[in-house]
């Protein structure tokens, strides 16, 4: 392939991977020009009207190796779209992008996994060169040494074991920069790296980027809003407006006229007051319709129950009489309660609940990963969700009857019933937790080159873990209550004694069963409250 042919070829960009560079003459030329853009257009389809919106319109740009180009412009001018096309995250609609070197991105929202440490986040940059089997049980020692060295270089060696959530904004920005450097890039894209920082930290970060660029001979493309910062730290300023380049010159030259939104294209239009008022009125009408439908549905449901007013006659008196029967009237009735048998049955109930919940977790966790929209394979997901809906349709008592028929009376049938019931609900809780995770960090790992399983284990799972553990605690508490009911059909536990006492009309003994269950539930609730509070404190 000739140098001319190579220059006109559209190159597919994969962040964190080397790109083909053609023959030696083409490679030599591309070391001089790190980025070459010709006729770049990028359009998006509006979800409401299906109209195409042009984000970039025919951009032509060359960036020499080692140069720092600052891209300026108003919001919506196409700055982030340009960086997305350069990184390979967005495919151009038209035009060519030639990038012969490895590209790494520091995202505006950083996209760090806040539940993991600073060192662990930097190690994620090595995913572009490490296969799955070398990251399942921790990163190699040489990669950890390299990550720690980068952490020291950005001034955070003393924060290596700190979770990202505990770091300041400026420190998080430094971790994101170090993670990008871990990918060995020759081109670094920084999308508004100082947008959320104060003036002092902004200068520190821009100074750090400049030092790293010179040390590593990086080509740096940064998106900025502050023209003063751009003129101070960049070699060159490129200004965009409405997807077009309106200024491209040395950073020492004044760029104020090109960046003034009132020039050339006029002032930015804003919705008029009547339009805003009409939109709010429409929204209120929609809310009113929704409330009216909800009230109508509730009324129809109430009427379908056919509840007679006479049903309330004597209700309070009957409830009081029943509760009084559950309370022993003498010391003899208390002594007659088989406390030792009930204690053993209570421990059996707890054992059934614990084992059933744990088995449910072991089955639900991989099923949830297959059923989650952001994790599971699209072809398998519908089948997984259908099976889960079938499992949840069957009440726990019916599961108990099924397993009693299969394995006989006793706690084993109860364990199997609780496992099946737990799988149905825990899987739903788990995949909803996976789907609720911020998609920025997983997307960043995919850009780096992580596989689907690496992305799940290193990003989705750490972020969803608090919700997962909370769901497990809830399911265990629920199974303790459910296990007491399963005894009614011979599936073991304290429910077996509860059913016997009611048949024998020994209400004080039945009340003792309820009292023991209440004590257990209160203890479990206190424990789970403390565990959840600790998880929340660690996540902040």
Protein backbone atom coordinates (compact mmCIF):
# COMPACT_ATOMS: atom_id res chain seq x y z
CA UNK A 1 0.00 0.00 0.00
CA UNK A 2 1.40 3.41 -0.93
CA UNK A 3 1.67 6.35 1.42
CA UNK A 4 -1.07 8.15 -0.49
CA UNK A 5 -3.43 5.18 -0.21
CA UNK A 6 -2.70 4.84 3.48
CA UNK A 7 -3.35 8.53 4.06
CA UNK A 8 -6.80 8.35 2.49
CA UNK A 9 -7.84 5.18 4.31
CA UNK A 10 -10.44 5.48 7.06
CA UNK A 11 -9.02 3.85 10.18
CA UNK A 12 -11.15 2.02 12.78
CA UNK A 13 -10.13 3.31 16.21
CA UNK A 14 -10.02 1.03 19.25
CA UNK A 15 -8.93 2.77 22.44
CA UNK A 16 -6.18 0.93 24.22
CA UNK A 17 -5.18 -1.05 21.09
CA UNK A 18 -2.52 -0.31 18.48
CA UNK A 19 -3.79 0.54 15.00
CA UNK A 20 -2.42 -0.59 11.70
CA UNK A 21 -0.10 2.02 10.25
CA UNK A 22 0.55 0.79 6.73
CA UNK A 23 4.06 0.82 5.26
CA UNK A 24 7.16 2.52 6.63
CA UNK A 25 6.73 5.76 4.71
CA UNK A 26 3.18 6.15 6.03
CA UNK A 27 4.34 5.35 9.58
CA UNK A 28 7.05 7.99 9.39
CA UNK A 29 4.59 10.61 8.31
CA UNK A 30 2.07 9.69 11.02
CA UNK A 31 4.64 10.15 13.76
CA UNK A 32 4.76 13.79 12.68
CA UNK A 33 0.96 14.16 12.55
CA UNK A 34 -0.71 12.34 15.44
CA UNK A 35 -4.28 13.06 14.33
CA UNK A 36 -5.57 13.82 10.85
CA UNK A 37 -9.29 14.60 10.38
CA UNK A 38 -10.85 15.30 6.99
CA UNK A 39 -14.50 16.10 6.30
CA UNK A 40 -15.69 14.73 9.66
CA UNK A 41 -19.46 14.78 10.09
CA UNK A 42 -21.46 13.25 12.91
CA UNK A 43 -25.24 13.28 13.13
CA UNK A 44 -27.62 11.98 15.79
CA UNK A 45 -31.27 11.04 15.43
CA UNK A 46 -33.68 12.84 17.73
CA UNK A 47 -35.75 10.33 19.70
CA UNK A 48 -38.92 12.45 19.58
CA UNK A 49 -39.12 13.49 15.95
CA UNK A 50 -36.61 11.14 14.26
CA UNK A 51 -34.95 14.23 12.82
CA UNK A 52 -31.21 14.17 12.26
CA UNK A 53 -29.20 16.63 14.34
CA UNK A 54 -25.74 17.55 13.07
CA UNK A 55 -23.21 17.60 15.92
CA UNK A 56 -20.14 17.97 13.68
CA UNK A 57 -20.16 19.45 10.19
CA UNK A 58 -17.25 18.80 7.83
CA UNK A 59 -14.32 19.24 10.23
CA UNK A 60 -10.78 19.31 8.86
CA UNK A 61 -8.00 19.22 11.44
CA UNK A 62 -4.39 18.06 11.82
CA UNK A 63 -2.67 17.75 15.19
CA UNK A 64 1.14 17.30 15.25
CA UNK A 65 2.67 14.80 17.62
CA UNK A 66 3.35 16.26 21.07
CA UNK A 67 1.09 19.29 20.68
CA UNK A 68 -1.52 20.38 23.22
CA UNK A 69 -4.71 21.46 21.46
CA UNK A 70 -7.45 23.05 23.57
CA UNK A 71 -10.95 22.76 22.10
CA UNK A 72 -13.26 25.57 23.18
CA UNK A 73 -16.89 26.34 22.51
CA UNK A 74 -20.35 26.70 24.00
CA UNK A 75 -22.35 23.75 25.30
CA UNK A 76 -23.68 21.76 22.35
CA UNK A 77 -21.01 22.98 19.96
CA UNK A 78 -19.69 19.45 19.36
CA UNK A 79 -16.63 19.31 21.62
CA UNK A 80 -17.42 16.05 23.43
CA UNK A 81 -18.66 14.51 20.18
CA UNK A 82 -15.31 15.30 18.57
CA UNK A 83 -13.47 13.54 21.40
CA UNK A 84 -15.86 10.59 21.14
CA UNK A 85 -15.01 10.20 17.45
CA UNK A 86 -11.29 10.48 18.15
CA UNK A 87 -11.45 7.80 20.86
CA UNK A 88 -13.48 5.42 18.69
CA UNK A 89 -16.46 5.50 21.04
CA UNK A 90 -18.54 7.20 18.31
CA UNK A 91 -18.44 6.22 14.65
CA UNK A 92 -18.29 9.15 12.20
CA UNK A 93 -21.28 9.56 9.90
CA UNK A 94 -19.00 10.83 7.10
CA UNK A 95 -15.34 11.67 6.73
CA UNK A 96 -12.05 10.15 7.77
CA UNK A 97 -10.11 10.03 11.03
CA UNK A 98 -6.53 8.81 10.96
CA UNK A 99 -5.00 7.97 14.33
CA UNK A 100 -1.87 5.83 14.17
CA UNK A 101 -1.24 5.76 17.93
CA UNK A 102 -2.91 4.46 21.08
CA UNK A 103 -5.63 6.78 22.44
CA UNK A 104 -6.83 7.14 26.02
CA UNK A 105 -9.61 9.33 27.41
CA UNK A 106 -10.08 11.20 30.69
CA UNK A 107 -13.85 11.60 30.77
CA UNK A 108 -15.61 14.68 32.08
CA UNK A 109 -17.46 12.62 34.71
CA UNK A 110 -14.25 10.59 35.35
CA UNK A 111 -16.17 7.26 35.26
CA UNK A 112 -14.26 5.79 38.18
CA UNK A 113 -15.63 2.92 40.26
CA UNK A 114 -16.21 4.79 43.53
CA UNK A 115 -16.50 1.66 45.66
CA UNK A 116 -12.95 0.54 44.76
CA UNK A 117 -9.63 2.02 45.81
CA UNK A 118 -7.52 4.54 43.94
CA UNK A 119 -4.91 1.87 43.13
CA UNK A 120 -7.54 -0.59 41.87
CA UNK A 121 -9.02 2.04 39.54
CA UNK A 122 -5.61 2.80 38.07
CA UNK A 123 -5.00 -0.93 37.54
CA UNK A 124 -8.08 -1.00 35.32
CA UNK A 125 -5.99 0.78 32.71
CA UNK A 126 -4.06 -2.47 32.23
CA UNK A 127 -7.19 -4.29 31.01
CA UNK A 128 -6.29 -3.33 27.44
CA UNK A 129 -3.37 -5.77 27.52
CA UNK A 130 -4.38 -8.42 30.09
CA UNK A 131 -6.63 -11.40 29.32
CA UNK A 132 -9.42 -12.46 31.66
CA UNK A 133 -7.51 -15.24 33.42
CA UNK A 134 -4.81 -12.77 34.55
CA UNK A 135 -7.30 -10.46 36.29
CA UNK A 136 -9.83 -12.85 37.89
CA UNK A 137 -7.78 -13.25 41.07
CA UNK A 138 -5.99 -9.91 41.10
CA UNK A 139 -3.63 -8.10 38.75
CA UNK A 140 -0.03 -9.26 38.21
CA UNK A 141 2.62 -7.89 40.57
CA UNK A 142 4.42 -5.93 37.84
CA UNK A 143 1.20 -4.15 36.91
CA UNK A 144 0.53 -3.27 40.56
CA UNK A 145 4.02 -1.80 40.88
CA UNK A 146 3.47 0.24 37.75
CA UNK A 147 0.08 1.48 38.93
CA UNK A 148 1.50 2.53 42.30
CA UNK A 149 4.34 4.36 40.54
CA UNK A 150 1.78 6.31 38.49
CA UNK A 151 -0.19 7.06 41.65
CA UNK A 152 2.95 8.50 43.20
CA UNK A 153 3.63 10.51 40.05
CA UNK A 154 0.27 12.26 40.32
CA UNK A 155 0.93 12.93 44.01
CA UNK A 156 -1.41 10.37 45.57
CA UNK A 157 0.87 7.58 46.75
CA UNK A 158 -0.48 8.05 50.28
CA UNK A 159 -4.05 7.51 49.01
CA UNK A 160 -3.49 4.13 47.33
CA UNK A 161 -5.85 2.21 49.64
CA UNK A 162 -8.52 4.92 49.84
CA UNK A 163 -11.87 4.32 48.13
CA UNK A 164 -12.56 6.79 45.34
CA UNK A 165 -15.66 8.01 47.20
CA UNK A 166 -13.40 9.29 50.01
CA UNK A 167 -11.18 11.39 47.72
CA UNK A 168 -11.69 15.04 46.84
CA UNK A 169 -12.63 16.15 43.33
CA UNK A 170 -9.08 17.11 42.46
CA UNK A 171 -7.73 13.81 43.78
CA UNK A 172 -10.30 11.85 41.77
CA UNK A 173 -9.24 13.77 38.67
CA UNK A 174 -5.62 12.73 39.29
CA UNK A 175 -6.66 9.08 39.63
CA UNK A 176 -8.52 9.29 36.29
CA UNK A 177 -5.42 10.75 34.65
CA UNK A 178 -3.23 7.99 36.11
CA UNK A 179 -5.66 5.33 34.87
CA UNK A 180 -5.39 6.77 31.37
CA UNK A 181 -1.59 6.75 31.54
CA UNK A 182 -1.72 3.11 32.64
CA UNK A 183 -2.89 2.36 29.08
CA UNK A 184 0.42 3.60 27.60
CA UNK A 185 -1.26 6.15 25.33
CA UNK A 186 0.49 8.38 22.86
CA UNK A 187 -2.64 10.53 22.52
CA UNK A 188 -4.51 11.70 25.60
CA UNK A 189 -8.04 13.11 25.32
CA UNK A 190 -9.21 15.16 28.32
CA UNK A 191 -12.91 16.06 28.29
CA UNK A 192 -13.35 19.15 30.50
CA UNK A 193 -10.75 17.96 33.05
CA UNK A 194 -11.25 20.98 35.33
CA UNK A 195 -14.99 21.61 34.95
CA UNK A 196 -15.88 20.77 38.57
CA UNK A 197 -12.71 22.13 40.24
CA UNK A 198 -11.93 25.43 41.88
CA UNK A 199 -9.37 27.80 40.37
CA UNK A 200 -6.41 26.49 42.37
CA UNK A 201 -7.11 22.83 41.59
CA UNK A 202 -7.84 23.69 37.96
CA UNK A 203 -4.37 25.18 37.54
CA UNK A 204 -2.82 22.22 39.38
CA UNK A 205 -4.50 19.70 37.06
CA UNK A 206 -3.66 21.63 33.90
CA UNK A 207 -0.08 21.99 35.08
CA UNK A 208 0.09 18.25 35.79
CA UNK A 209 -1.26 17.43 32.33
CA UNK A 210 1.34 19.73 30.80
CA UNK A 211 4.18 18.12 32.75
CA UNK A 212 3.03 14.61 31.84
CA UNK A 213 2.69 15.60 28.19
CA UNK A 214 6.29 16.80 28.06
CA UNK A 215 7.64 13.84 30.04
CA UNK A 216 5.95 11.25 27.85
CA UNK A 217 5.80 13.18 24.58
CA UNK A 218 2.02 12.90 24.59
CA UNK A 219 -0.31 14.53 22.14
CA UNK A 220 -2.96 16.19 24.30
CA UNK A 221 -6.43 17.26 23.17
CA UNK A 222 -8.37 18.92 25.98
CA UNK A 223 -11.89 20.32 26.02
CA UNK A 224 -12.07 23.52 28.08
CA UNK A 225 -14.55 26.30 28.80
CA UNK A 226 -12.03 28.79 30.16
CA UNK A 227 -10.15 30.62 27.39
CA UNK A 228 -7.64 31.95 29.93
CA UNK A 229 -6.67 28.41 30.93
CA UNK A 230 -6.42 27.46 27.26
CA UNK A 231 -4.13 30.41 26.47
CA UNK A 232 -2.00 29.65 29.55
CA UNK A 233 -1.46 25.91 29.08
CA UNK A 234 -2.24 24.96 25.46
CA UNK A 235 -0.10 25.34 22.36
CA UNK A 236 -3.09 25.88 20.11
CA UNK A 237 -6.78 26.75 20.38
CA UNK A 238 -9.53 25.27 18.22
CA UNK A 239 -12.96 26.83 18.77
CA UNK A 240 -16.20 25.14 17.70
CA UNK A 241 -19.65 26.56 17.18
CA UNK A 242 -22.60 24.50 15.96
CA UNK A 243 -20.29 21.70 14.87
CA UNK A 244 -17.97 23.88 12.81
CA UNK A 245 -14.46 25.18 13.44
CA UNK A 246 -14.63 28.97 13.79
CA UNK A 247 -11.14 29.53 15.18
CA UNK A 248 -7.86 27.61 14.84
CA UNK A 249 -4.67 29.40 15.79
CA UNK A 250 -1.77 29.67 18.19
CA UNK A 251 -2.93 29.77 21.82
CA UNK A 252 -1.04 32.99 22.40
CA UNK A 253 -3.35 34.76 19.93
CA UNK A 254 -6.57 36.34 21.30
CA UNK A 255 -9.54 34.09 20.69
CA UNK A 256 -12.24 36.13 22.43
CA UNK A 257 -13.97 37.28 19.23
CA UNK A 258 -14.27 33.74 17.91
CA UNK A 259 -15.60 32.45 21.22
CA UNK A 260 -18.20 35.18 21.72
CA UNK A 261 -21.58 33.49 21.25
CA UNK A 262 -23.13 36.75 20.03
CA UNK A 263 -20.85 36.97 17.01
CA UNK A 264 -21.67 35.55 13.57
CA UNK A 265 -24.58 33.37 14.58
CA UNK A 266 -26.35 35.76 16.93
CA UNK A 267 -27.52 35.20 20.47
CA UNK A 268 -28.60 31.84 21.76
CA UNK A 269 -32.37 31.46 21.67
CA UNK A 270 -34.27 30.47 24.80
CA UNK A 271 -37.87 29.31 25.11
CA UNK A 272 -40.37 32.12 25.56
CA UNK A 273 -42.52 32.45 28.69
CA UNK A 274 -45.74 31.43 26.91
CA UNK A 275 -44.04 28.29 25.59
CA UNK A 276 -42.79 27.37 29.06
CA UNK A 277 -46.22 28.03 30.58
CA UNK A 278 -47.91 25.87 27.93
CA UNK A 279 -45.46 23.04 28.60
CA UNK A 280 -46.12 23.20 32.35
CA UNK A 281 -49.89 23.24 31.78
CA UNK A 282 -49.63 20.15 29.56
CA UNK A 283 -47.58 18.39 32.25
CA UNK A 284 -50.18 19.23 34.92
CA UNK A 285 -52.95 17.85 32.71
CA UNK A 286 -51.00 14.62 32.24
CA UNK A 287 -50.50 14.30 35.99
CA UNK A 288 -54.20 14.94 36.57
CA UNK A 289 -55.16 12.21 34.11
CA UNK A 290 -52.79 9.74 35.79
CA UNK A 291 -54.21 10.51 39.26
CA UNK A 292 -57.79 10.17 37.98
CA UNK A 293 -57.00 6.77 36.41
CA UNK A 294 -55.37 5.61 39.66
CA UNK A 295 -58.40 6.63 41.74
CA UNK A 296 -60.77 4.91 39.30
CA UNK A 297 -58.77 1.67 39.36
CA UNK A 298 -58.70 1.69 43.18
CA UNK A 299 -62.46 2.27 43.35
CA UNK A 300 -63.15 -0.59 40.93
CA UNK A 301 -60.90 -2.90 42.92
CA UNK A 302 -62.70 -1.98 46.14
CA UNK A 303 -66.12 -2.58 44.60
CA UNK A 304 -65.02 -5.97 43.23
CA UNK A 305 -64.35 -7.18 46.80
CA UNK A 306 -68.05 -6.78 47.68
CA UNK A 307 -67.31 -5.88 51.31
CA UNK A 308 -70.49 -5.51 53.34
CA UNK A 309 -70.67 -2.90 56.13
CA UNK A 310 -71.95 -5.62 58.44
CA UNK A 311 -68.52 -7.29 58.17
CA UNK A 312 -67.16 -4.63 60.54
CA UNK A 313 -69.72 -5.43 63.25
CA UNK A 314 -67.95 -6.81 66.30
CA UNK A 315 -64.56 -6.87 64.56
CA UNK A 316 -62.69 -5.19 67.39
CA UNK A 317 -64.32 -7.40 70.01
CA UNK A 318 -63.46 -10.61 68.15
CA UNK A 319 -59.83 -9.56 67.64
CA UNK A 320 -59.46 -8.68 71.33
CA UNK A 321 -60.91 -12.06 72.36
CA UNK A 322 -58.51 -13.94 70.05
CA UNK A 323 -55.46 -12.03 71.34
CA UNK A 324 -56.55 -12.68 74.93
CA UNK A 325 -56.71 -16.42 74.21
CA UNK A 326 -53.05 -16.35 73.12
CA UNK A 327 -51.93 -15.04 76.53
CA UNK A 328 -51.52 -17.68 79.31
CA UNK A 329 -53.95 -17.10 82.14
CA UNK A 330 -51.95 -18.93 84.79
CA UNK A 331 -48.44 -20.13 85.68
CA UNK A 332 -49.60 -23.68 85.01
CA UNK A 333 -50.33 -22.83 81.37
CA UNK A 334 -46.85 -21.29 81.05
CA UNK A 335 -45.22 -24.39 82.52
CA UNK A 336 -47.24 -26.60 80.18
CA UNK A 337 -45.69 -24.99 77.09
CA UNK A 338 -42.92 -27.27 75.67
CA UNK A 339 -40.25 -24.54 75.66
CA UNK A 340 -37.35 -26.91 74.87
CA UNK A 341 -39.12 -28.40 71.86
CA UNK A 342 -40.08 -24.92 70.63
CA UNK A 343 -36.49 -23.68 71.02
CA UNK A 344 -35.19 -26.59 68.96
CA UNK A 345 -37.87 -25.94 66.34
CA UNK A 346 -36.95 -22.25 66.31
CA UNK A 347 -33.30 -23.05 65.60
CA UNK A 348 -34.48 -25.44 62.91
CA UNK A 349 -36.50 -22.61 61.39
CA UNK A 350 -33.45 -20.30 61.43
CA UNK A 351 -31.32 -23.04 59.87
CA UNK A 352 -33.87 -23.63 57.12
CA UNK A 353 -34.06 -19.90 56.41
CA UNK A 354 -30.29 -19.42 56.36
CA UNK A 355 -29.54 -22.42 54.14
CA UNK A 356 -32.47 -21.66 51.81
CA UNK A 357 -31.39 -18.03 51.45
CA UNK A 358 -27.74 -18.91 50.83
CA UNK A 359 -28.62 -21.49 48.18
CA UNK A 360 -30.97 -18.96 46.62
CA UNK A 361 -28.15 -16.39 46.47
CA UNK A 362 -25.78 -18.86 44.81
CA UNK A 363 -28.33 -19.62 42.08
CA UNK A 364 -29.71 -16.08 41.73
CA UNK A 365 -26.38 -14.29 41.29
CA UNK A 366 -25.40 -15.83 37.91
CA UNK A 367 -29.03 -15.85 36.75
CA UNK A 368 -29.29 -12.12 37.49
CA UNK A 369 -26.13 -11.45 35.48
CA UNK A 370 -27.72 -13.29 32.55
CA UNK A 371 -31.02 -11.42 32.97
CA UNK A 372 -29.71 -7.86 33.44
CA UNK A 373 -30.09 -5.59 30.41
CA UNK A 374 -26.64 -4.06 30.82
CA UNK A 375 -24.85 -7.36 31.45
CA UNK A 376 -26.68 -10.42 30.09
CA UNK A 377 -26.61 -11.67 26.50
CA UNK A 378 -29.64 -10.30 24.60
CA UNK A 379 -30.56 -13.74 23.25
CA UNK A 380 -30.66 -15.39 26.69
CA UNK A 381 -32.18 -12.54 28.72
CA UNK A 382 -35.88 -13.02 27.72
CA UNK A 383 -35.79 -16.75 28.54
CA UNK A 384 -34.21 -16.09 31.94
CA UNK A 385 -36.81 -13.47 32.83
CA UNK A 386 -39.67 -15.72 31.71
CA UNK A 387 -38.45 -18.57 33.93
CA UNK A 388 -38.16 -16.17 36.89
CA UNK A 389 -41.72 -14.95 36.36
CA UNK A 390 -42.90 -18.56 36.45
CA UNK A 391 -40.99 -19.21 39.71
CA UNK A 392 -42.40 -16.09 41.37
CA UNK A 393 -45.93 -17.05 40.35
CA UNK A 394 -45.85 -20.10 42.66
CA UNK A 395 -46.40 -19.21 46.36
CA UNK A 396 -43.93 -20.53 48.94
CA UNK A 397 -46.63 -22.79 50.46
CA UNK A 398 -47.19 -24.49 47.10
CA UNK A 399 -43.42 -24.98 46.72
CA UNK A 400 -43.45 -26.60 50.16
CA UNK A 401 -46.28 -28.99 49.17
CA UNK A 402 -44.40 -29.86 45.98
CA UNK A 403 -41.16 -30.71 47.79
CA UNK A 404 -42.94 -32.53 50.63
CA UNK A 405 -44.41 -34.77 47.95
CA UNK A 406 -40.95 -35.13 46.38
CA UNK A 407 -38.71 -35.76 49.42
CA UNK A 408 -41.14 -36.35 52.27
CA UNK A 409 -41.96 -34.48 55.47
CA UNK A 410 -39.30 -32.52 57.31
CA UNK A 411 -36.96 -29.53 57.10
CA UNK A 412 -35.27 -30.65 53.86
CA UNK A 413 -38.50 -30.00 51.97
CA UNK A 414 -38.70 -26.59 53.65
CA UNK A 415 -35.12 -25.73 52.60
CA UNK A 416 -35.88 -26.62 48.97
CA UNK A 417 -39.09 -24.58 49.04
CA UNK A 418 -37.31 -21.52 50.48
CA UNK A 419 -34.51 -21.91 47.92
CA UNK A 420 -36.93 -21.91 45.00
CA UNK A 421 -38.86 -18.97 46.39
CA UNK A 422 -35.65 -17.04 47.10
CA UNK A 423 -34.33 -17.60 43.58
CA UNK A 424 -37.45 -16.04 42.06
CA UNK A 425 -37.24 -12.84 44.07
CA UNK A 426 -33.50 -12.48 44.66
CA UNK A 427 -32.76 -12.76 40.95
CA UNK A 428 -35.18 -9.91 40.26
CA UNK A 429 -33.65 -7.81 43.06
CA UNK A 430 -30.14 -8.56 41.81
CA UNK A 431 -30.63 -7.75 38.13
CA UNK A 432 -32.47 -4.55 39.02
CA UNK A 433 -29.46 -3.61 41.18
CA UNK A 434 -27.13 -4.37 38.25
CA UNK A 435 -29.24 -2.27 35.90
CA UNK A 436 -29.38 0.65 38.36
CA UNK A 437 -25.58 1.03 38.33
CA UNK A 438 -24.22 4.21 36.73
CA UNK A 439 -23.28 3.11 33.20
CA UNK A 440 -20.34 5.53 32.94
CA UNK A 441 -17.68 3.38 34.70
CA UNK A 442 -18.61 0.14 32.87
CA UNK A 443 -18.55 2.05 29.60
CA UNK A 444 -15.10 3.42 30.40
CA UNK A 445 -13.75 -0.09 31.07
CA UNK A 446 -15.20 -1.33 27.78
CA UNK A 447 -13.44 1.55 26.01
CA UNK A 448 -10.18 0.54 27.66
CA UNK A 449 -10.60 -2.99 26.30
CA UNK A 450 -12.16 -4.97 29.17
CA UNK A 451 -14.19 -8.06 28.37
CA UNK A 452 -17.81 -8.38 29.44
CA UNK A 453 -16.92 -10.49 32.49
CA UNK A 454 -14.08 -8.14 33.48
CA UNK A 455 -16.44 -5.17 33.21
CA UNK A 456 -18.99 -6.94 35.40
CA UNK A 457 -16.54 -8.06 38.09
CA UNK A 458 -14.56 -4.80 38.27
CA UNK A 459 -17.32 -2.22 37.79
CA UNK A 460 -20.93 -3.45 37.91
CA UNK A 461 -20.52 -5.79 40.88
CA UNK A 462 -18.66 -3.36 43.22
CA UNK A 463 -21.22 -0.62 42.54
CA UNK A 464 -24.23 -2.90 43.07
CA UNK A 465 -22.85 -4.79 46.09
CA UNK A 466 -24.57 -2.65 48.78
CA UNK A 467 -27.97 -3.15 47.14
CA UNK A 468 -27.26 -6.87 46.69
CA UNK A 469 -26.33 -7.36 50.35
CA UNK A 470 -29.38 -5.39 51.44
CA UNK A 471 -31.60 -7.66 49.32
CA UNK A 472 -29.99 -10.76 50.88
CA UNK A 473 -30.69 -9.47 54.38
CA UNK A 474 -34.30 -8.71 53.48
CA UNK A 475 -34.74 -12.16 51.94
CA UNK A 476 -33.35 -13.87 55.04
CA UNK A 477 -35.72 -11.92 57.30
CA UNK A 478 -38.62 -12.80 55.01
CA UNK A 479 -37.66 -16.49 54.91
CA UNK A 480 -37.70 -16.67 58.71
CA UNK A 481 -41.36 -15.65 58.60
CA UNK A 482 -42.09 -17.86 55.59
CA UNK A 483 -40.44 -20.89 57.22
CA UNK A 484 -42.86 -20.64 60.12
CA UNK A 485 -45.75 -21.02 57.65
CA UNK A 486 -44.20 -23.93 55.76
CA UNK A 487 -44.52 -26.08 58.86
CA UNK A 488 -48.28 -26.01 58.34
CA UNK A 489 -47.84 -28.48 55.46
CA UNK A 490 -45.19 -30.58 57.22
CA UNK A 491 -42.07 -28.83 55.92
CA UNK A 492 -40.46 -28.60 59.37
CA UNK A 493 -39.63 -25.71 61.67
CA UNK A 494 -41.63 -24.00 64.37
CA UNK A 495 -44.60 -23.77 62.04
CA UNK A 496 -45.18 -27.49 62.55
CA UNK A 497 -45.76 -26.92 66.30
CA UNK A 498 -47.80 -23.80 65.60
CA UNK A 499 -50.22 -25.80 63.42
CA UNK A 500 -50.47 -28.58 66.02
CA UNK A 501 -51.28 -26.15 68.85
CA UNK A 502 -54.06 -24.58 66.81
CA UNK A 503 -55.53 -27.96 66.00
CA UNK A 504 -55.44 -28.82 69.70
CA UNK A 505 -56.80 -25.34 70.55
CA UNK A 506 -53.79 -24.78 72.80
CA UNK A 507 -53.74 -21.05 72.10
CA UNK A 508 -51.23 -20.08 74.85
CA UNK A 509 -48.66 -22.45 73.32
CA UNK A 510 -49.42 -21.02 69.86
CA UNK A 511 -48.89 -17.53 71.31
CA UNK A 512 -45.49 -18.71 72.65
CA UNK A 513 -44.51 -19.67 69.08
CA UNK A 514 -45.43 -16.20 67.87
CA UNK A 515 -43.54 -14.60 70.76
CA UNK A 516 -40.35 -16.51 69.94
CA UNK A 517 -40.66 -15.57 66.26
CA UNK A 518 -41.17 -11.91 67.21
CA UNK A 519 -37.99 -11.96 69.33
CA UNK A 520 -36.00 -13.43 66.43
CA UNK A 521 -37.42 -10.93 63.94
CA UNK A 522 -36.56 -7.98 66.22
CA UNK A 523 -32.98 -9.21 66.64
CA UNK A 524 -32.56 -9.74 62.90
CA UNK A 525 -34.02 -6.32 62.17
CA UNK A 526 -31.56 -4.67 64.57
CA UNK A 527 -28.62 -6.53 63.01
CA UNK A 528 -29.66 -5.74 59.43
CA UNK A 529 -30.20 -2.06 60.32
CA UNK A 530 -26.64 -1.81 61.63
CA UNK A 531 -25.21 -3.65 58.62
CA UNK A 532 -27.09 -1.38 56.18
CA UNK A 533 -25.95 1.73 58.06
CA UNK A 534 -22.34 0.57 57.82
CA UNK A 535 -22.69 -0.12 54.09
CA UNK A 536 -24.15 3.34 53.51
CA UNK A 537 -21.32 4.94 55.53
CA UNK A 538 -18.71 3.10 53.45
CA UNK A 539 -20.39 4.11 50.18
CA UNK A 540 -20.41 7.84 51.03
